[in-house]
Amino acid sequence: MNLALFDLDHTLLPLDSDHAWGEYTMSIGWRDPVEFKRANDQFYADYKAGTLDPVAYLRFATEAVREHGAIKSVAAHADFMGTIIEKSIKKPALDLLEQHRAAGDTLLLVTATNEFVTRPIAQRLGIEHLIAVELETDATGWYTGASKGVPSFREGKVTRVAQWLAARGKTWDDVAHSTFYSDSMNDLPLLEQVDTPVATNPDDTLRALAHARGWRILDLFND
């Protein structure tokens, strides 16, 4: 098995899908435009700084869908896909995915964003396997605001990929070659785990580290 692992936000997309979804819910009147934007921007700044509290953020990020329920939320997300995400899917990212498909690699999207936001995006990108923050559900089958299992954030991404392999009767040792594309220092644990780390649209800190370690640097969105 050859694994091609991809972060999502600012890696395959030139935006943060979680932050964009929050902005979208605000635009359709589901959130207070002043208070929500302040909190959303602060959580995003915490993420970039590596100080995000994933438990607090997940409760905040799922508040709108928990209040509005499954039918309205799924319909809103479909509109979000059409109006926001579709415009953000760029040919260089699709070409990169296709290169790995053509090589026979197994593609795996590994994101710290929750599964409600990201599963339709993975499907649109044609990526069969998704590792995202899993959401706990209540007796009705809808979200509680808590995560289920290990959040796929920082070191959790390494753990979740290992769990994904174990579910298939494999370990990291069974992977012939692994590549991981990411923009963020938050993903350093998984970048250091794989055979070929690729700093993709990297932030300044990761770019400097990639230069120092001789890692490949890929800028997909320079057009």
Protein backbone atom coordinates (compact mmCIF):
# COMPACT_ATOMS: atom_id res chain seq x y z
CA MET A 1 0.00 0.00 0.00
CA ASN A 2 1.21 3.48 -0.94
CA LEU A 3 -0.57 6.20 1.01
CA ALA A 4 -1.12 9.75 -0.19
CA LEU A 5 -2.35 11.78 2.77
CA PHE A 6 -3.76 15.28 2.41
CA ASP A 7 -4.68 18.00 4.84
CA LEU A 8 -7.67 20.00 3.58
CA ASP A 9 -7.74 23.63 4.67
CA HIS A 10 -5.17 25.84 2.93
CA THR A 11 -3.71 22.67 1.45
CA LEU A 12 -6.24 21.35 -1.08
CA LEU A 13 -8.47 24.40 -0.61
CA PRO A 14 -7.27 28.02 -0.47
CA LEU A 15 -9.46 28.63 2.58
CA ASP A 16 -10.33 27.18 5.97
CA SER A 17 -13.56 25.22 5.46
CA ASP A 18 -14.50 25.30 9.15
CA HIS A 19 -14.05 29.06 9.39
CA ALA A 20 -15.84 29.54 6.06
CA TRP A 21 -18.79 27.43 7.23
CA GLY A 22 -19.02 29.59 10.33
CA GLU A 23 -19.04 32.72 8.20
CA TYR A 24 -21.71 31.15 6.00
CA THR A 25 -24.00 30.39 8.95
CA MET A 26 -23.60 33.99 10.01
CA SER A 27 -24.50 35.21 6.51
CA ILE A 28 -27.79 33.28 6.51
CA GLY A 29 -28.80 34.67 9.89
CA TRP A 30 -28.06 31.64 12.04
CA ARG A 31 -25.47 33.46 14.16
CA ASP A 32 -25.09 36.93 15.63
CA PRO A 33 -22.88 38.82 13.15
CA VAL A 34 -20.81 40.67 15.73
CA GLU A 35 -20.30 38.18 18.55
CA PHE A 36 -19.98 35.13 16.31
CA LYS A 37 -17.41 36.74 14.03
CA ARG A 38 -15.35 37.82 17.02
CA ALA A 39 -15.32 34.32 18.48
CA ASN A 40 -14.85 32.59 15.11
CA ASP A 41 -11.87 34.77 14.25
CA GLN A 42 -10.34 34.19 17.67
CA PHE A 43 -10.64 30.41 17.38
CA TYR A 44 -9.05 30.59 13.93
CA ALA A 45 -6.18 32.68 15.29
CA ASP A 46 -5.73 30.10 18.09
CA TYR A 47 -5.58 27.33 15.48
CA LYS A 48 -2.90 29.11 13.49
CA ALA A 49 -0.96 29.73 16.68
CA GLY A 50 -1.23 26.07 17.72
CA THR A 51 -3.17 26.90 20.89
CA LEU A 52 -6.68 25.85 19.86
CA ASP A 53 -8.86 24.16 22.48
CA PRO A 54 -10.48 21.51 20.26
CA VAL A 55 -13.25 20.68 22.75
CA ALA A 56 -14.38 24.28 23.13
CA TYR A 57 -14.06 24.94 19.42
CA LEU A 58 -16.10 21.89 18.40
CA ARG A 59 -18.96 22.89 20.68
CA PHE A 60 -18.85 26.40 19.21
CA ALA A 61 -18.54 25.20 15.60
CA THR A 62 -21.49 22.80 15.82
CA GLU A 63 -23.82 25.12 17.74
CA ALA A 64 -25.71 26.30 14.64
CA VAL A 65 -26.39 22.83 13.24
CA ARG A 66 -27.40 21.56 16.66
CA GLU A 67 -29.93 24.37 16.99
CA HIS A 68 -31.36 24.08 13.47
CA GLY A 69 -31.45 20.30 13.14
CA ALA A 70 -30.54 17.83 10.43
CA ILE A 71 -32.90 18.79 7.59
CA LYS A 72 -32.13 22.51 7.63
CA SER A 73 -28.42 21.95 8.27
CA VAL A 74 -27.92 19.48 5.43
CA ALA A 75 -29.76 21.81 3.05
CA ALA A 76 -27.65 24.76 4.20
CA HIS A 77 -24.46 22.77 3.73
CA ALA A 78 -25.48 21.86 0.18
CA ASP A 79 -25.84 25.57 -0.56
CA PHE A 80 -22.50 26.23 1.16
CA MET A 81 -20.90 23.67 -1.14
CA GLY A 82 -22.32 25.38 -4.22
CA THR A 83 -21.70 28.98 -3.27
CA ILE A 84 -18.42 28.77 -1.34
CA ILE A 85 -16.56 25.49 -1.73
CA GLU A 86 -17.11 24.91 -5.44
CA LYS A 87 -15.48 28.26 -6.24
CA SER A 88 -12.52 27.30 -4.07
CA ILE A 89 -11.70 24.01 -5.81
CA LYS A 90 -8.74 24.76 -8.07
CA LYS A 91 -7.31 22.76 -10.95
CA PRO A 92 -3.80 22.39 -9.44
CA ALA A 93 -5.29 20.63 -6.41
CA LEU A 94 -7.40 18.34 -8.58
CA ASP A 95 -4.37 17.58 -10.75
CA LEU A 96 -2.33 16.66 -7.67
CA LEU A 97 -5.01 14.23 -6.53
CA GLU A 98 -5.22 12.73 -10.00
CA GLN A 99 -1.45 12.17 -10.12
CA HIS A 100 -1.69 10.01 -7.02
CA ARG A 101 -4.75 8.16 -8.29
CA ALA A 102 -2.98 7.40 -11.55
CA ALA A 103 -0.02 6.04 -9.58
CA GLY A 104 -2.35 3.64 -7.76
CA ASP A 105 -1.94 5.32 -4.37
CA THR A 106 -4.61 5.14 -1.68
CA LEU A 107 -5.86 8.68 -1.05
CA LEU A 108 -6.77 9.73 2.47
CA LEU A 109 -8.02 13.14 3.59
CA VAL A 110 -6.82 13.83 7.14
CA THR A 111 -8.33 17.00 8.58
CA ALA A 112 -8.88 18.64 11.95
CA THR A 113 -12.25 19.93 10.72
CA ASN A 114 -15.35 17.97 11.71
CA GLU A 115 -16.99 15.33 9.55
CA PHE A 116 -20.23 17.28 8.98
CA VAL A 117 -18.34 20.05 7.20
CA THR A 118 -15.78 17.91 5.42
CA ARG A 119 -17.45 14.70 4.25
CA PRO A 120 -19.24 16.37 1.31
CA ILE A 121 -15.98 18.12 0.41
CA ALA A 122 -14.08 14.82 0.39
CA GLN A 123 -16.77 13.34 -1.83
CA ARG A 124 -16.57 16.30 -4.21
CA LEU A 125 -12.80 15.87 -4.44
CA GLY A 126 -13.21 12.17 -5.11
CA ILE A 127 -11.34 11.12 -1.98
CA GLU A 128 -12.86 7.90 -0.69
CA HIS A 129 -11.22 7.80 2.73
CA LEU A 130 -11.80 10.57 5.26
CA ILE A 131 -10.31 11.05 8.69
CA ALA A 132 -11.97 14.04 10.35
CA VAL A 133 -13.14 14.97 13.83
CA GLU A 134 -15.93 12.47 14.49
CA LEU A 135 -19.07 13.85 16.11
CA GLU A 136 -20.94 12.26 18.98
CA THR A 137 -24.67 11.80 18.39
CA ASP A 138 -27.60 11.57 20.77
CA ALA A 139 -30.59 9.24 20.78
CA THR A 140 -32.10 11.09 17.82
CA GLY A 141 -28.96 10.56 15.75
CA TRP A 142 -28.02 14.25 15.71
CA TYR A 143 -24.94 15.95 17.09
CA THR A 144 -24.33 16.73 20.76
CA GLY A 145 -21.41 19.12 20.29
CA ALA A 146 -18.86 16.63 21.62
CA SER A 147 -16.31 14.62 19.68
CA LYS A 148 -16.19 10.86 19.43
CA GLY A 149 -12.82 9.17 19.76
CA VAL A 150 -9.48 10.86 19.24
CA PRO A 151 -9.76 14.27 17.53
CA SER A 152 -7.71 14.39 14.32
CA PHE A 153 -5.68 17.36 15.47
CA ARG A 154 -1.89 17.60 15.88
CA GLU A 155 -0.64 14.25 17.31
CA GLY A 156 -4.18 12.94 16.96
CA LYS A 157 -3.72 12.75 13.19
CA VAL A 158 -0.95 10.18 13.62
CA THR A 159 -3.12 8.19 16.03
CA ARG A 160 -6.15 8.30 13.75
CA VAL A 161 -4.19 7.16 10.69
CA ALA A 162 -2.78 4.28 12.76
CA GLN A 163 -6.34 3.37 13.79
CA TRP A 164 -7.46 3.55 10.16
CA LEU A 165 -4.66 1.16 9.21
CA ALA A 166 -5.43 -1.16 12.14
CA ALA A 167 -9.07 -1.42 11.00
CA ARG A 168 -7.64 -2.88 7.77
CA GLY A 169 -5.32 -5.29 9.58
CA LYS A 170 -2.25 -3.15 8.89
CA THR A 171 0.29 -0.96 10.64
CA TRP A 172 2.59 1.81 9.48
CA ASP A 173 5.14 -0.94 8.71
CA ASP A 174 2.79 -2.30 6.04
CA VAL A 175 2.81 0.99 4.15
CA ALA A 176 5.33 0.79 1.32
CA HIS A 177 5.51 4.56 0.96
CA SER A 178 3.63 7.45 2.52
CA THR A 179 3.35 11.09 1.49
CA PHE A 180 1.61 13.86 3.41
CA TYR A 181 0.71 17.31 2.11
CA SER A 182 0.04 20.06 4.66
CA ASP A 183 0.29 23.82 5.09
CA SER A 184 0.54 23.99 8.86
CA MET A 185 2.96 23.45 11.74
CA ASN A 186 -0.01 21.91 13.57
CA ASP A 187 0.57 18.90 11.31
CA LEU A 188 4.24 18.49 12.18
CA PRO A 189 3.67 15.13 13.97
CA LEU A 190 2.22 13.54 10.82
CA LEU A 191 4.71 15.29 8.53
CA GLU A 192 7.48 13.70 10.59
CA GLN A 193 5.76 10.29 10.52
CA VAL A 194 5.55 9.85 6.75
CA ASP A 195 8.28 9.00 4.25
CA THR A 196 7.75 12.12 2.14
CA PRO A 197 6.50 15.28 3.86
CA VAL A 198 5.42 18.04 1.48
CA ALA A 199 4.97 21.55 2.84
CA THR A 200 2.03 22.69 0.73
CA ASN A 201 1.13 26.38 0.59
CA PRO A 202 3.00 26.51 3.90
CA ASP A 203 2.78 29.21 6.51
CA ASP A 204 6.02 31.06 7.18
CA THR A 205 7.06 28.83 10.07
CA LEU A 206 6.53 25.58 8.19
CA ARG A 207 8.20 27.02 5.08
CA ALA A 208 11.31 27.83 7.09
CA LEU A 209 11.34 24.38 8.67
CA ALA A 210 10.89 22.71 5.28
CA HIS A 211 13.84 24.66 3.91
CA ALA A 212 15.95 23.66 6.91
CA ARG A 213 15.08 19.98 6.59
CA GLY A 214 15.18 19.79 2.82
CA TRP A 215 11.50 18.94 2.48
CA ARG A 216 9.70 19.58 -0.76
CA ILE A 217 7.71 22.82 -0.85
CA LEU A 218 4.65 22.97 -3.10
CA ASP A 219 2.69 26.14 -3.78
CA LEU A 220 -0.57 25.21 -5.47
CA PHE A 221 -2.33 28.55 -5.46
CA ASN A 222 0.14 31.04 -6.87
CA ASP A 223 -1.96 31.92 -9.93
